[in-house]
Amino acid sequence: MSRWRSPDVGSLIGRGLASPQARRWLPVAWRLVQALILVGLVYAGWQLFGHLPYRIDIEVYRMGGRAWLDGRPLYAGDTTFHTQIGLDLPFTYPPLAAILFSPFAWLPFPAASVTITVLTLVLLLLSTWIVLTRLDVWQDSALTGEPAWLRRCWLAGGIVALAVSYLEPIAANFAFGQINVVLMTLVIADCVPRRTPWPRGLLLGLAIALKLTPAVFLLYFVLRR
């Protein structure tokens, strides 16, 4: 892994505002920043939960899980699943994915939609925090006496609020109820930290069990050997 360490932006700003009068205002400025981040997260939450659009992918996950629970075929012949909007879609995920999706089959569709949305939002925050931590972003700061992990939580919150509102891939992931952020978090949690409490490759294997695309990250472990 790279030994590059990000510049300590908070410390640089703090040294630039070294006068006693400026330092008196630093806590106020930081509280204002925190308030803006909270407003951004509330706005992002309103976009996600103010109304619940039809999320077609989560419906396919539910039907795949239900087919496994009922012992029905997932791939035989021209097997497709009839969605609420009239489309007949195949289950294009590995067999183990149907098992992992089966809990969604026990939930009503609106509850499953809310569940995948909340899970995606939490994992987006977590994956952003893991990357910030690995890069040692805001390790020290003259702006705030909060611990580094908490500062990164706030920074991750600001980044996620912007991503939900303005990044099309993230917005589309939420709109369709996809699992791409789930896969991304599994890959990041397995590959990015300096150390993990689980064997390396475990979470990547789980991601591949859900969808074959993350298999490309097997090259990461091959190149590290």
Protein backbone atom coordinates (compact mmCIF):
# COMPACT_ATOMS: atom_id res chain seq x y z
CA MET A 1 0.00 0.00 0.00
CA SER A 2 1.06 3.58 -0.57
CA ARG A 3 2.83 5.42 2.24
CA TRP A 4 1.45 8.75 1.06
CA ARG A 5 -0.18 10.77 3.79
CA SER A 6 -2.63 13.55 3.12
CA PRO A 7 -1.77 17.10 4.20
CA ASP A 8 -3.19 18.06 7.57
CA VAL A 9 -5.58 20.70 6.28
CA GLY A 10 -7.10 21.43 9.66
CA SER A 11 -3.70 22.02 11.24
CA LEU A 12 -2.59 24.27 8.38
CA ILE A 13 -5.72 26.37 8.68
CA GLY A 14 -5.35 26.51 12.44
CA ARG A 15 -1.78 27.80 12.18
CA GLY A 16 -2.95 30.37 9.68
CA LEU A 17 -5.48 31.63 12.24
CA ALA A 18 -3.04 31.88 15.10
CA SER A 19 -4.14 35.20 16.57
CA PRO A 20 -5.99 34.98 19.91
CA GLN A 21 -9.05 36.69 18.44
CA ALA A 22 -9.17 34.26 15.52
CA ARG A 23 -8.80 31.27 17.84
CA ARG A 24 -11.80 32.43 19.86
CA TRP A 25 -13.89 32.15 16.73
CA LEU A 26 -12.60 28.73 15.69
CA PRO A 27 -15.06 26.73 17.85
CA VAL A 28 -17.93 28.83 16.51
CA ALA A 29 -16.78 28.32 12.92
CA TRP A 30 -16.50 24.57 13.48
CA ARG A 31 -20.02 24.42 14.94
CA LEU A 32 -21.29 26.25 11.86
CA VAL A 33 -19.56 23.72 9.62
CA GLN A 34 -21.11 20.88 11.61
CA ALA A 35 -24.53 22.52 11.28
CA LEU A 36 -24.08 22.79 7.50
CA ILE A 37 -23.14 19.11 7.31
CA LEU A 38 -26.23 18.18 9.32
CA VAL A 39 -28.40 20.30 7.03
CA GLY A 40 -26.82 18.58 4.03
CA LEU A 41 -27.52 15.14 5.51
CA VAL A 42 -31.11 16.09 6.34
CA TYR A 43 -31.59 17.31 2.76
CA ALA A 44 -30.08 14.09 1.42
CA GLY A 45 -32.38 12.09 3.70
CA TRP A 46 -35.38 14.07 2.47
CA GLN A 47 -34.40 13.27 -1.12
CA LEU A 48 -34.18 9.58 -0.27
CA PHE A 49 -37.15 9.21 2.07
CA GLY A 50 -39.39 12.21 1.31
CA HIS A 51 -41.08 9.91 -1.16
CA LEU A 52 -40.32 6.28 -1.92
CA PRO A 53 -39.94 5.73 -5.68
CA TYR A 54 -40.35 2.31 -7.20
CA ARG A 55 -36.96 0.59 -6.87
CA ILE A 56 -36.93 -2.17 -9.43
CA ASP A 57 -33.68 -3.87 -8.43
CA ILE A 58 -34.80 -4.56 -4.88
CA GLU A 59 -37.95 -6.17 -6.29
CA VAL A 60 -35.80 -8.56 -8.34
CA TYR A 61 -33.71 -9.33 -5.23
CA ARG A 62 -36.89 -10.08 -3.28
CA MET A 63 -38.29 -12.34 -5.97
CA GLY A 64 -35.00 -14.20 -6.32
CA GLY A 65 -34.90 -14.73 -2.56
CA ARG A 66 -38.53 -15.86 -2.56
CA ALA A 67 -37.85 -18.33 -5.39
CA TRP A 68 -35.03 -19.87 -3.35
CA LEU A 69 -37.18 -20.09 -0.23
CA ASP A 70 -39.96 -21.76 -2.24
CA GLY A 71 -37.60 -24.16 -4.02
CA ARG A 72 -38.38 -22.73 -7.45
CA PRO A 73 -35.74 -22.55 -10.23
CA LEU A 74 -33.75 -19.37 -10.71
CA TYR A 75 -32.18 -20.01 -14.10
CA ALA A 76 -33.94 -22.98 -15.74
CA GLY A 77 -35.07 -22.36 -19.30
CA ASP A 78 -36.42 -18.86 -19.81
CA THR A 79 -37.10 -18.24 -16.11
CA THR A 80 -37.96 -14.59 -15.47
CA PHE A 81 -39.63 -12.65 -12.68
CA HIS A 82 -42.64 -10.44 -13.34
CA THR A 83 -42.21 -6.99 -11.78
CA GLN A 84 -44.86 -4.52 -10.68
CA ILE A 85 -44.26 -2.35 -13.75
CA GLY A 86 -44.86 -5.24 -16.12
CA LEU A 87 -41.29 -6.15 -17.01
CA ASP A 88 -40.18 -9.79 -16.98
CA LEU A 89 -36.58 -9.80 -15.75
CA PRO A 90 -34.12 -12.67 -15.22
CA PHE A 91 -32.22 -13.24 -12.00
CA THR A 92 -28.66 -12.44 -13.12
CA TYR A 93 -26.83 -12.98 -9.83
CA PRO A 94 -24.90 -16.01 -8.51
CA PRO A 95 -26.95 -18.68 -6.68
CA LEU A 96 -25.60 -17.71 -3.25
CA ALA A 97 -26.98 -14.20 -3.82
CA ALA A 98 -30.52 -15.58 -3.77
CA ILE A 99 -29.85 -17.01 -0.30
CA LEU A 100 -28.43 -13.70 0.93
CA PHE A 101 -31.37 -11.81 -0.61
CA SER A 102 -33.95 -14.09 1.01
CA PRO A 103 -34.49 -11.87 4.11
CA PHE A 104 -35.89 -9.20 1.77
CA ALA A 105 -38.56 -11.71 0.70
CA TRP A 106 -39.95 -11.71 4.24
CA LEU A 107 -40.53 -7.94 4.11
CA PRO A 108 -43.29 -6.05 2.31
CA PHE A 109 -41.93 -4.28 -0.74
CA PRO A 110 -42.00 -0.76 0.85
CA ALA A 111 -40.15 -2.07 3.93
CA ALA A 112 -37.56 -3.79 1.73
CA SER A 113 -37.10 -0.54 -0.20
CA VAL A 114 -36.51 1.43 3.00
CA THR A 115 -34.16 -1.26 4.33
CA ILE A 116 -31.90 -1.28 1.26
CA THR A 117 -31.87 2.54 1.26
CA VAL A 118 -30.86 2.80 4.93
CA LEU A 119 -28.27 0.05 4.53
CA THR A 120 -26.79 1.76 1.47
CA LEU A 121 -26.59 5.13 3.23
CA VAL A 122 -24.87 3.66 6.31
CA LEU A 123 -22.38 1.70 4.19
CA LEU A 124 -21.64 4.75 2.05
CA LEU A 125 -20.72 6.65 5.21
CA LEU A 126 -18.65 3.72 6.48
CA SER A 127 -16.72 3.21 3.24
CA THR A 128 -15.94 6.93 3.01
CA TRP A 129 -14.72 6.93 6.62
CA ILE A 130 -12.48 3.90 5.97
CA VAL A 131 -10.82 5.63 3.01
CA LEU A 132 -10.32 8.88 4.97
CA THR A 133 -8.80 6.91 7.85
CA ARG A 134 -6.46 4.97 5.57
CA LEU A 135 -5.22 8.23 4.04
CA ASP A 136 -4.71 9.75 7.52
CA VAL A 137 -6.91 12.68 6.56
CA TRP A 138 -7.26 15.26 9.34
CA GLN A 139 -5.09 13.30 11.76
CA ASP A 140 -4.29 16.44 13.77
CA SER A 141 -6.15 19.70 13.93
CA ALA A 142 -5.97 23.09 15.58
CA LEU A 143 -9.59 23.72 14.57
CA THR A 144 -11.17 21.27 16.97
CA GLY A 145 -10.16 19.16 19.92
CA GLU A 146 -12.32 16.23 18.80
CA PRO A 147 -10.59 12.89 18.17
CA ALA A 148 -9.50 12.16 14.60
CA TRP A 149 -12.07 9.40 14.08
CA LEU A 150 -14.91 11.79 14.95
CA ARG A 151 -13.59 14.55 12.69
CA ARG A 152 -13.50 12.03 9.86
CA CYS A 153 -17.09 11.06 10.64
CA TRP A 154 -18.14 14.65 10.11
CA LEU A 155 -16.08 14.91 6.93
CA ALA A 156 -17.55 11.64 5.64
CA GLY A 157 -21.02 13.00 6.38
CA GLY A 158 -20.35 16.10 4.30
CA ILE A 159 -18.95 14.07 1.41
CA VAL A 160 -21.88 11.64 1.44
CA ALA A 161 -24.44 14.45 1.59
CA LEU A 162 -22.92 15.96 -1.57
CA ALA A 163 -22.62 12.55 -3.26
CA VAL A 164 -26.27 11.65 -2.64
CA SER A 165 -27.44 15.00 -3.99
CA TYR A 166 -25.10 15.59 -6.92
CA LEU A 167 -23.31 12.39 -8.07
CA GLU A 168 -25.41 10.55 -10.65
CA PRO A 169 -23.97 7.04 -10.02
CA ILE A 170 -24.77 7.33 -6.31
CA ALA A 171 -28.20 8.85 -6.93
CA ALA A 172 -29.00 6.09 -9.46
CA ASN A 173 -27.88 3.41 -7.01
CA PHE A 174 -30.43 4.71 -4.50
CA ALA A 175 -33.14 5.28 -7.13
CA PHE A 176 -33.03 1.69 -8.39
CA GLY A 177 -32.34 0.07 -5.02
CA GLN A 178 -29.08 -1.47 -6.21
CA ILE A 179 -26.38 -3.22 -4.17
CA ASN A 180 -23.36 -1.52 -5.78
CA VAL A 181 -22.54 0.48 -2.64
CA VAL A 182 -22.79 -2.73 -0.60
CA LEU A 183 -20.26 -4.37 -2.93
CA MET A 184 -18.02 -1.30 -2.84
CA THR A 185 -17.99 -1.29 0.96
CA LEU A 186 -17.11 -4.98 1.13
CA VAL A 187 -14.19 -4.42 -1.25
CA ILE A 188 -12.97 -1.28 0.53
CA ALA A 189 -13.23 -2.86 3.99
CA ASP A 190 -11.20 -5.84 2.78
CA CYS A 191 -8.53 -4.06 0.72
CA VAL A 192 -8.02 -0.57 2.14
CA PRO A 193 -7.33 -0.85 5.93
CA ARG A 194 -3.77 -1.55 7.05
CA ARG A 195 -5.02 -4.45 9.17
CA THR A 196 -8.31 -6.32 9.39
CA PRO A 197 -9.66 -8.60 12.15
CA TRP A 198 -10.78 -11.09 9.49
CA PRO A 199 -8.67 -12.98 6.92
CA ARG A 200 -7.94 -10.86 3.85
CA GLY A 201 -10.20 -11.81 0.99
CA LEU A 202 -13.14 -12.89 3.14
CA LEU A 203 -15.30 -9.84 2.39
CA LEU A 204 -14.20 -9.80 -1.24
CA GLY A 205 -15.38 -13.40 -1.50
CA LEU A 206 -18.75 -12.37 -0.07
CA ALA A 207 -18.96 -9.54 -2.62
CA ILE A 208 -18.22 -11.99 -5.46
CA ALA A 209 -20.93 -14.29 -4.10
CA LEU A 210 -23.39 -11.41 -4.51
CA LYS A 211 -22.20 -10.29 -7.94
CA LEU A 212 -19.33 -11.41 -10.16
CA THR A 213 -18.04 -7.91 -10.99
CA PRO A 214 -15.90 -7.52 -7.80
CA ALA A 215 -13.85 -10.55 -8.91
CA VAL A 216 -11.60 -8.07 -10.73
CA PHE A 217 -10.21 -7.10 -7.31
CA LEU A 218 -8.67 -10.56 -6.97
CA LEU A 219 -5.83 -8.99 -8.97
CA TYR A 220 -5.15 -6.76 -5.95
CA PHE A 221 -4.26 -9.77 -3.82
CA VAL A 222 -2.29 -11.38 -6.65
CA LEU A 223 -0.19 -8.24 -7.14
CA ARG A 224 0.45 -7.89 -3.39
CA ARG A 225 2.07 -11.32 -3.14
